[in-house]
């Protein structure tokens, strides 16, 4: 049996607005390199929402790590920051302009 190795990419950054677009471009380029073009839009949306949450809420700083891993046919994109508090999914008014990020990620994710 021939097994396909996992593919992994890690980016460390300050979650500043100027860096979020840069990470989105890195993610898109990495997925194109791995021939995973159909996953780009959902992954880019997810990483944008997660990095925006770090920028808005993380304490004591905005330093975080984005990890992208493709193992077999499963893509995992994760964002880790130094804040010991866990994010909370909140009930949000459908007309609200913010606060829907985690719910949006859940809607476009498989797990």
C-alpha atoms as a PDB file:
ATOM      1  CA  UNK A   1       0.000   0.000   0.000  1.00  0.00           C
ATOM      2  CA  UNK A   2       1.266   3.462  -0.876  1.00  0.00           C
ATOM      3  CA  UNK A   3       0.361   6.106   1.656  1.00  0.00           C
ATOM      4  CA  UNK A   4       0.165   9.795   0.958  1.00  0.00           C
ATOM      5  CA  UNK A   5       2.132  11.844   3.492  1.00  0.00           C
ATOM      6  CA  UNK A   6       0.492  14.667   5.354  1.00  0.00           C
ATOM      7  CA  UNK A   7       1.139  18.134   4.064  1.00  0.00           C
ATOM      8  CA  UNK A   8       1.652  20.830   6.644  1.00  0.00           C
ATOM      9  CA  UNK A   9       2.211  24.594   6.665  1.00  0.00           C
ATOM     10  CA  UNK A  10       2.572  26.903   9.676  1.00  0.00           C
ATOM     11  CA  UNK A  11       2.501  30.709   9.772  1.00  0.00           C
ATOM     12  CA  UNK A  12       3.215  32.749  12.906  1.00  0.00           C
ATOM     13  CA  UNK A  13       2.006  36.343  12.951  1.00  0.00           C
ATOM     14  CA  UNK A  14       0.511  39.295  14.750  1.00  0.00           C
ATOM     15  CA  UNK A  15      -3.218  39.221  13.933  1.00  0.00           C
ATOM     16  CA  UNK A  16      -3.352  42.741  12.553  1.00  0.00           C
ATOM     17  CA  UNK A  17      -5.765  43.728   9.753  1.00  0.00           C
ATOM     18  CA  UNK A  18      -2.875  44.183   7.315  1.00  0.00           C
ATOM     19  CA  UNK A  19      -1.651  40.635   7.966  1.00  0.00           C
ATOM     20  CA  UNK A  20      -5.033  38.898   7.618  1.00  0.00           C
ATOM     21  CA  UNK A  21      -5.136  39.418   3.844  1.00  0.00           C
ATOM     22  CA  UNK A  22      -1.539  38.256   3.602  1.00  0.00           C
ATOM     23  CA  UNK A  23      -2.329  34.994   5.419  1.00  0.00           C
ATOM     24  CA  UNK A  24      -5.375  34.495   3.188  1.00  0.00           C
ATOM     25  CA  UNK A  25      -3.094  34.756   0.134  1.00  0.00           C
ATOM     26  CA  UNK A  26      -0.581  32.310   1.679  1.00  0.00           C
ATOM     27  CA  UNK A  27      -3.392  29.854   2.433  1.00  0.00           C
ATOM     28  CA  UNK A  28      -4.789  30.144  -1.101  1.00  0.00           C
ATOM     29  CA  UNK A  29      -1.365  29.642  -2.677  1.00  0.00           C
ATOM     30  CA  UNK A  30      -0.661  26.611  -0.477  1.00  0.00           C
ATOM     31  CA  UNK A  31      -3.986  24.989  -1.372  1.00  0.00           C
ATOM     32  CA  UNK A  32      -3.384  25.627  -5.077  1.00  0.00           C
ATOM     33  CA  UNK A  33       0.070  24.029  -4.714  1.00  0.00           C
ATOM     34  CA  UNK A  34      -1.588  20.978  -3.139  1.00  0.00           C
ATOM     35  CA  UNK A  35      -4.196  20.948  -5.962  1.00  0.00           C
ATOM     36  CA  UNK A  36      -7.021  21.669  -3.523  1.00  0.00           C
ATOM     37  CA  UNK A  37      -8.551  24.630  -5.358  1.00  0.00           C
ATOM     38  CA  UNK A  38     -12.179  23.732  -4.445  1.00  0.00           C
ATOM     39  CA  UNK A  39     -11.353  24.274  -0.747  1.00  0.00           C
ATOM     40  CA  UNK A  40      -9.871  27.757  -1.104  1.00  0.00           C
ATOM     41  CA  UNK A  41     -12.997  29.880  -0.607  1.00  0.00           C
ATOM     42  CA  UNK A  42     -14.252  28.112   2.522  1.00  0.00           C
ATOM     43  CA  UNK A  43     -10.768  27.895   4.051  1.00  0.00           C
ATOM     44  CA  UNK A  44     -10.080  31.578   3.337  1.00  0.00           C
ATOM     45  CA  UNK A  45     -13.401  32.583   4.914  1.00  0.00           C
ATOM     46  CA  UNK A  46     -12.650  30.500   7.995  1.00  0.00           C
ATOM     47  CA  UNK A  47      -9.120  31.794   8.503  1.00  0.00           C
ATOM     48  CA  UNK A  48     -10.314  35.381   7.989  1.00  0.00           C
ATOM     49  CA  UNK A  49     -12.982  35.004  10.673  1.00  0.00           C
ATOM     50  CA  UNK A  50     -10.617  33.289  13.120  1.00  0.00           C
ATOM     51  CA  UNK A  51      -7.839  35.864  12.680  1.00  0.00           C
ATOM     52  CA  UNK A  52     -10.364  38.684  13.027  1.00  0.00           C
ATOM     53  CA  UNK A  53     -11.471  37.139  16.333  1.00  0.00           C
ATOM     54  CA  UNK A  54      -7.859  37.041  17.527  1.00  0.00           C
ATOM     55  CA  UNK A  55      -7.413  40.678  16.497  1.00  0.00           C
ATOM     56  CA  UNK A  56     -10.583  41.792  18.298  1.00  0.00           C
ATOM     57  CA  UNK A  57     -10.585  39.599  21.395  1.00  0.00           C
ATOM     58  CA  UNK A  58      -7.260  37.894  22.217  1.00  0.00           C
ATOM     59  CA  UNK A  59      -5.302  38.989  25.264  1.00  0.00           C
ATOM     60  CA  UNK A  60      -2.548  39.640  26.296  1.00  0.00           C
ATOM     61  CA  UNK A  61      -1.305  40.068  22.724  1.00  0.00           C
ATOM     62  CA  UNK A  62      -2.317  39.397  19.120  1.00  0.00           C
ATOM     63  CA  UNK A  63       0.414  36.836  18.375  1.00  0.00           C
ATOM     64  CA  UNK A  64      -0.981  33.641  16.884  1.00  0.00           C
ATOM     65  CA  UNK A  65      -0.137  30.614  14.770  1.00  0.00           C
ATOM     66  CA  UNK A  66      -2.087  29.445  11.732  1.00  0.00           C
ATOM     67  CA  UNK A  67      -1.660  25.769  10.901  1.00  0.00           C
ATOM     68  CA  UNK A  68      -2.795  24.226   7.630  1.00  0.00           C
ATOM     69  CA  UNK A  69      -2.703  20.460   7.291  1.00  0.00           C
ATOM     70  CA  UNK A  70      -3.920  18.178   4.526  1.00  0.00           C
ATOM     71  CA  UNK A  71      -3.997  14.545   5.590  1.00  0.00           C
ATOM     72  CA  UNK A  72      -5.375  12.194   2.976  1.00  0.00           C
ATOM     73  CA  UNK A  73      -8.449  14.112   1.806  1.00  0.00           C
ATOM     74  CA  UNK A  74      -9.114  16.104   5.001  1.00  0.00           C
ATOM     75  CA  UNK A  75      -8.053  19.732   5.343  1.00  0.00           C
ATOM     76  CA  UNK A  76      -7.605  21.201   8.809  1.00  0.00           C
ATOM     77  CA  UNK A  77      -7.034  24.920   9.308  1.00  0.00           C
ATOM     78  CA  UNK A  78      -6.489  26.031  12.896  1.00  0.00           C
ATOM     79  CA  UNK A  79      -5.574  29.267  14.640  1.00  0.00           C
ATOM     80  CA  UNK A  80      -3.930  29.267  18.083  1.00  0.00           C
ATOM     81  CA  UNK A  81      -3.397  32.361  20.222  1.00  0.00           C
ATOM     82  CA  UNK A  82      -2.075  32.949  23.751  1.00  0.00           C
ATOM     83  CA  UNK A  83      -5.421  33.834  25.329  1.00  0.00           C
ATOM     84  CA  UNK A  84      -6.427  31.196  27.908  1.00  0.00           C
ATOM     85  CA  UNK A  85     -10.130  31.992  27.390  1.00  0.00           C
ATOM     86  CA  UNK A  86     -12.057  29.862  24.900  1.00  0.00           C
ATOM     87  CA  UNK A  87     -14.164  31.548  22.216  1.00  0.00           C
ATOM     88  CA  UNK A  88     -17.909  31.530  22.835  1.00  0.00           C
ATOM     89  CA  UNK A  89     -20.540  31.067  20.144  1.00  0.00           C
ATOM     90  CA  UNK A  90     -23.284  33.585  20.854  1.00  0.00           C
ATOM     91  CA  UNK A  91     -26.839  33.948  19.664  1.00  0.00           C
ATOM     92  CA  UNK A  92     -26.740  36.916  17.318  1.00  0.00           C
ATOM     93  CA  UNK A  93     -29.411  38.974  15.623  1.00  0.00           C
ATOM     94  CA  UNK A  94     -29.403  38.055  11.905  1.00  0.00           C
ATOM     95  CA  UNK A  95     -29.067  41.744  11.028  1.00  0.00           C
ATOM     96  CA  UNK A  96     -25.996  42.241  13.238  1.00  0.00           C
ATOM     97  CA  UNK A  97     -22.821  43.322  11.462  1.00  0.00           C
ATOM     98  CA  UNK A  98     -20.499  41.412  13.803  1.00  0.00           C
ATOM     99  CA  UNK A  99     -20.489  38.481  16.201  1.00  0.00           C
ATOM    100  CA  UNK A 100     -21.404  35.823  13.645  1.00  0.00           C
ATOM    101  CA  UNK A 101     -17.895  34.551  12.827  1.00  0.00           C
ATOM    102  CA  UNK A 102     -17.874  31.301  14.801  1.00  0.00           C
ATOM    103  CA  UNK A 103     -21.381  30.407  13.624  1.00  0.00           C
ATOM    104  CA  UNK A 104     -20.301  31.108  10.045  1.00  0.00           C
ATOM    105  CA  UNK A 105     -17.250  28.866  10.449  1.00  0.00           C
ATOM    106  CA  UNK A 106     -19.450  26.092  11.829  1.00  0.00           C
ATOM    107  CA  UNK A 107     -21.743  26.450   8.811  1.00  0.00           C
ATOM    108  CA  UNK A 108     -18.936  26.002   6.253  1.00  0.00           C
ATOM    109  CA  UNK A 109     -16.989  23.346   8.201  1.00  0.00           C
ATOM    110  CA  UNK A 110     -17.471  19.622   8.470  1.00  0.00           C
ATOM    111  CA  UNK A 111     -16.282  19.385  12.062  1.00  0.00           C
END
